[in-house]
Amino acid sequence: MEAKLISPPTYIEMCMLNLKTTSVSSHIMVVYRAPAGNFNLFLNRLDDSITCKSIYRADLNLILCSDMNIDYPLTMIEKDSLTQYFKRIT
């Protein structure tokens, strides 16, 4: 049996839910990164999504749930890049 690539690899999948109550407004973002996906592309797309002017506001709570497929003991560069990114945006 021969397998063929039907579509290019998916680097990032995300879904966002806007939750509003009378006292709080929050976005819940769920993010998935394919294990073989390009990490830099993933980080750029994540940043584009989080810092998008229609999404990001200082008074808005963002809850990020994710499976980023980073093996922390083995991938120091990716771990450090992600850690620095989160420090920068918080």
N, C-alpha and C. Protein backbone atom coordinates (compact mmCIF):
# COMPACT_ATOMS: atom_id res chain seq x y z
N MET A 1 0.86 -1.17 0.00
CA MET A 1 0.00 0.00 0.00
C MET A 1 0.90 1.23 0.00
N GLU A 2 0.55 2.19 -0.80
CA GLU A 2 1.32 3.43 -0.90
C GLU A 2 0.50 4.58 -0.31
N ALA A 3 1.14 5.35 0.54
CA ALA A 3 0.48 6.51 1.13
C ALA A 3 0.95 7.76 0.40
N LYS A 4 0.03 8.63 0.10
CA LYS A 4 0.36 9.89 -0.57
C LYS A 4 -0.07 11.05 0.31
N LEU A 5 0.71 12.11 0.25
CA LEU A 5 0.38 13.31 0.98
C LEU A 5 -0.69 14.07 0.21
N ILE A 6 -1.86 14.17 0.82
CA ILE A 6 -2.98 14.82 0.16
C ILE A 6 -2.97 16.33 0.41
N SER A 7 -2.55 16.70 1.60
CA SER A 7 -2.48 18.12 1.92
C SER A 7 -1.18 18.40 2.68
N PRO A 8 -0.72 19.63 2.67
CA PRO A 8 0.52 19.93 3.38
C PRO A 8 0.35 19.70 4.88
N PRO A 9 1.45 19.47 5.58
CA PRO A 9 1.35 19.23 7.02
C PRO A 9 0.73 20.43 7.73
N THR A 10 -0.04 20.15 8.74
CA THR A 10 -0.65 21.20 9.53
C THR A 10 0.32 21.60 10.63
N TYR A 11 0.64 22.87 10.72
CA TYR A 11 1.58 23.34 11.72
C TYR A 11 0.87 23.79 12.99
N ILE A 12 -0.33 24.31 12.83
CA ILE A 12 -1.06 24.81 13.99
C ILE A 12 -2.56 24.70 13.73
N GLU A 13 -3.26 24.29 14.76
CA GLU A 13 -4.72 24.28 14.74
C GLU A 13 -5.16 25.03 15.97
N MET A 14 -6.18 25.89 15.81
CA MET A 14 -6.66 26.61 16.98
C MET A 14 -8.14 26.90 16.87
N CYS A 15 -8.70 27.05 18.05
CA CYS A 15 -10.11 27.38 18.17
C CYS A 15 -10.23 28.36 19.34
N MET A 16 -11.11 29.34 19.20
CA MET A 16 -11.26 30.31 20.28
C MET A 16 -12.73 30.51 20.60
N LEU A 17 -12.99 30.63 21.88
CA LEU A 17 -14.34 30.86 22.37
C LEU A 17 -14.33 32.15 23.17
N ASN A 18 -15.27 33.04 22.90
CA ASN A 18 -15.40 34.27 23.66
C ASN A 18 -16.48 34.06 24.71
N LEU A 19 -16.09 34.22 25.95
CA LEU A 19 -17.00 33.99 27.07
C LEU A 19 -17.26 35.32 27.77
N LYS A 20 -18.52 35.76 27.76
CA LYS A 20 -18.87 37.03 28.40
C LYS A 20 -19.90 36.79 29.48
N THR A 21 -19.64 37.37 30.64
CA THR A 21 -20.63 37.40 31.70
C THR A 21 -20.85 38.87 32.05
N THR A 22 -21.67 39.12 33.02
CA THR A 22 -21.91 40.52 33.38
C THR A 22 -20.68 41.17 34.01
N SER A 23 -19.79 40.36 34.58
CA SER A 23 -18.63 40.94 35.26
C SER A 23 -17.29 40.65 34.59
N VAL A 24 -17.25 39.69 33.67
CA VAL A 24 -15.96 39.28 33.10
C VAL A 24 -16.11 38.95 31.63
N SER A 25 -15.05 39.26 30.88
CA SER A 25 -14.98 38.87 29.48
C SER A 25 -13.67 38.12 29.28
N SER A 26 -13.77 36.93 28.73
CA SER A 26 -12.58 36.09 28.55
C SER A 26 -12.59 35.42 27.19
N HIS A 27 -11.40 35.14 26.70
CA HIS A 27 -11.23 34.30 25.52
C HIS A 27 -10.59 33.00 25.99
N ILE A 28 -11.13 31.90 25.52
CA ILE A 28 -10.51 30.61 25.77
C ILE A 28 -9.97 30.14 24.42
N MET A 29 -8.65 30.00 24.34
CA MET A 29 -8.00 29.61 23.10
C MET A 29 -7.41 28.21 23.28
N VAL A 30 -7.74 27.32 22.36
CA VAL A 30 -7.19 25.97 22.36
C VAL A 30 -6.29 25.85 21.14
N VAL A 31 -5.04 25.42 21.38
CA VAL A 31 -4.02 25.40 20.33
C VAL A 31 -3.37 24.03 20.27
N TYR A 32 -3.14 23.56 19.05
CA TYR A 32 -2.44 22.29 18.84
C TYR A 32 -1.31 22.52 17.84
N ARG A 33 -0.15 21.98 18.17
CA ARG A 33 1.00 22.02 17.24
C ARG A 33 1.35 20.59 16.90
N ALA A 34 1.41 20.28 15.61
CA ALA A 34 1.79 18.94 15.17
C ALA A 34 3.24 18.67 15.59
N PRO A 35 3.55 17.46 16.04
CA PRO A 35 4.90 17.16 16.50
C PRO A 35 5.98 17.45 15.46
N ALA A 36 5.70 17.22 14.21
CA ALA A 36 6.70 17.44 13.16
C ALA A 36 6.59 18.84 12.55
N GLY A 37 5.68 19.65 13.09
CA GLY A 37 5.47 20.98 12.53
C GLY A 37 6.64 21.91 12.77
N ASN A 38 6.77 22.89 11.92
CA ASN A 38 7.81 23.90 12.02
C ASN A 38 7.55 24.76 13.25
N PHE A 39 8.47 24.74 14.22
CA PHE A 39 8.26 25.45 15.48
C PHE A 39 8.19 26.96 15.29
N ASN A 40 9.07 27.52 14.47
CA ASN A 40 9.08 28.97 14.26
C ASN A 40 7.79 29.45 13.61
N LEU A 41 7.29 28.69 12.64
CA LEU A 41 6.02 29.03 12.02
C LEU A 41 4.89 28.96 13.05
N PHE A 42 4.91 27.93 13.87
CA PHE A 42 3.91 27.79 14.94
C PHE A 42 3.94 29.00 15.87
N LEU A 43 5.12 29.37 16.33
CA LEU A 43 5.24 30.48 17.27
C LEU A 43 4.79 31.79 16.63
N ASN A 44 5.11 32.00 15.36
CA ASN A 44 4.66 33.20 14.66
C ASN A 44 3.14 33.25 14.53
N ARG A 45 2.53 32.13 14.17
CA ARG A 45 1.06 32.08 14.03
C ARG A 45 0.37 32.26 15.38
N LEU A 46 0.95 31.68 16.43
CA LEU A 46 0.40 31.85 17.77
C LEU A 46 0.46 33.32 18.16
N ASP A 47 1.59 33.95 17.92
CA ASP A 47 1.74 35.36 18.25
C ASP A 47 0.77 36.22 17.45
N ASP A 48 0.65 35.95 16.16
CA ASP A 48 -0.31 36.69 15.32
C ASP A 48 -1.72 36.58 15.89
N SER A 49 -2.08 35.39 16.35
CA SER A 49 -3.44 35.16 16.86
C SER A 49 -3.66 35.84 18.20
N ILE A 50 -2.67 35.74 19.09
CA ILE A 50 -2.83 36.32 20.42
C ILE A 50 -2.79 37.85 20.38
N THR A 51 -1.92 38.41 19.56
CA THR A 51 -1.76 39.86 19.55
C THR A 51 -2.65 40.58 18.53
N CYS A 52 -3.50 39.84 17.86
CA CYS A 52 -4.44 40.44 16.91
C CYS A 52 -5.28 41.49 17.62
N LYS A 53 -5.38 42.66 17.04
CA LYS A 53 -6.09 43.76 17.69
C LYS A 53 -7.55 43.45 17.97
N SER A 54 -8.16 42.57 17.19
CA SER A 54 -9.56 42.24 17.45
C SER A 54 -9.70 41.23 18.58
N ILE A 55 -8.58 40.65 19.02
CA ILE A 55 -8.62 39.66 20.10
C ILE A 55 -8.03 40.22 21.39
N TYR A 56 -6.83 40.81 21.28
CA TYR A 56 -6.10 41.20 22.48
C TYR A 56 -6.53 42.56 22.99
N ARG A 57 -6.83 42.60 24.27
CA ARG A 57 -7.07 43.85 25.00
C ARG A 57 -6.51 43.66 26.40
N ALA A 58 -6.01 44.70 26.98
CA ALA A 58 -5.40 44.61 28.31
C ALA A 58 -6.41 44.18 29.37
N ASP A 59 -7.68 44.52 29.17
CA ASP A 59 -8.69 44.18 30.18
C ASP A 59 -9.36 42.82 29.93
N LEU A 60 -8.85 42.07 28.99
CA LEU A 60 -9.46 40.79 28.62
C LEU A 60 -8.63 39.63 29.17
N ASN A 61 -9.30 38.67 29.76
CA ASN A 61 -8.62 37.47 30.24
C ASN A 61 -8.45 36.50 29.08
N LEU A 62 -7.25 35.95 28.94
CA LEU A 62 -6.98 34.95 27.91
C LEU A 62 -6.58 33.66 28.61
N ILE A 63 -7.33 32.61 28.35
CA ILE A 63 -7.02 31.29 28.89
C ILE A 63 -6.52 30.46 27.71
N LEU A 64 -5.27 30.05 27.80
CA LEU A 64 -4.64 29.30 26.71
C LEU A 64 -4.49 27.84 27.12
N CYS A 65 -5.14 26.97 26.37
CA CYS A 65 -5.02 25.52 26.57
C CYS A 65 -4.32 24.97 25.34
N SER A 66 -3.30 24.14 25.56
CA SER A 66 -2.57 23.74 24.37
C SER A 66 -1.88 22.39 24.50
N ASP A 67 -1.59 21.85 23.34
CA ASP A 67 -0.70 20.70 23.19
C ASP A 67 0.33 21.17 22.17
N MET A 68 1.47 21.64 22.66
CA MET A 68 2.48 22.23 21.78
C MET A 68 3.52 21.23 21.33
N ASN A 69 3.45 20.02 21.83
CA ASN A 69 4.36 18.94 21.42
C ASN A 69 5.83 19.37 21.48
N ILE A 70 6.22 19.87 22.62
CA ILE A 70 7.62 20.21 22.85
C ILE A 70 8.14 19.28 23.94
N ASP A 71 9.17 18.53 23.62
CA ASP A 71 9.79 17.63 24.58
C ASP A 71 10.80 18.44 25.39
N TYR A 72 10.38 18.95 26.54
CA TYR A 72 11.20 19.89 27.29
C TYR A 72 12.62 19.41 27.60
N PRO A 73 12.84 18.17 28.00
CA PRO A 73 14.23 17.76 28.26
C PRO A 73 15.10 17.72 27.00
N LEU A 74 14.50 17.53 25.83
CA LEU A 74 15.30 17.33 24.62
C LEU A 74 15.40 18.55 23.71
N THR A 75 14.45 19.44 23.77
CA THR A 75 14.43 20.56 22.81
C THR A 75 14.59 21.89 23.54
N MET A 76 15.80 22.16 23.96
CA MET A 76 16.07 23.37 24.74
C MET A 76 15.79 24.65 23.96
N ILE A 77 16.11 24.68 22.68
CA ILE A 77 15.91 25.91 21.90
C ILE A 77 14.43 26.24 21.82
N GLU A 78 13.59 25.25 21.52
CA GLU A 78 12.15 25.49 21.43
C GLU A 78 11.59 25.86 22.80
N LYS A 79 12.02 25.17 23.83
CA LYS A 79 11.55 25.46 25.19
C LYS A 79 11.92 26.89 25.58
N ASP A 80 13.16 27.28 25.34
CA ASP A 80 13.59 28.63 25.69
C ASP A 80 12.84 29.69 24.88
N SER A 81 12.63 29.44 23.61
CA SER A 81 11.89 30.38 22.76
C SER A 81 10.46 30.56 23.26
N LEU A 82 9.82 29.46 23.60
CA LEU A 82 8.44 29.52 24.09
C LEU A 82 8.37 30.23 25.45
N THR A 83 9.31 29.92 26.33
CA THR A 83 9.35 30.56 27.65
C THR A 83 9.55 32.07 27.50
N GLN A 84 10.47 32.49 26.65
CA GLN A 84 10.71 33.91 26.42
C GLN A 84 9.48 34.59 25.81
N TYR A 85 8.80 33.89 24.91
CA TYR A 85 7.60 34.45 24.29
C TYR A 85 6.53 34.73 25.35
N PHE A 86 6.27 33.75 26.22
CA PHE A 86 5.24 33.93 27.24
C PHE A 86 5.63 35.01 28.26
N LYS A 87 6.91 35.12 28.57
CA LYS A 87 7.35 36.19 29.46
C LYS A 87 7.12 37.56 28.82
N ARG A 88 7.31 37.63 27.51
CA ARG A 88 7.16 38.90 26.80
C ARG A 88 5.70 39.35 26.74
N ILE A 89 4.77 38.42 26.57
CA ILE A 89 3.37 38.83 26.39
C ILE A 89 2.59 38.94 27.70
N THR A 90 3.18 38.50 28.81
CA THR A 90 2.44 38.60 30.08
C THR A 90 2.88 39.78 30.88
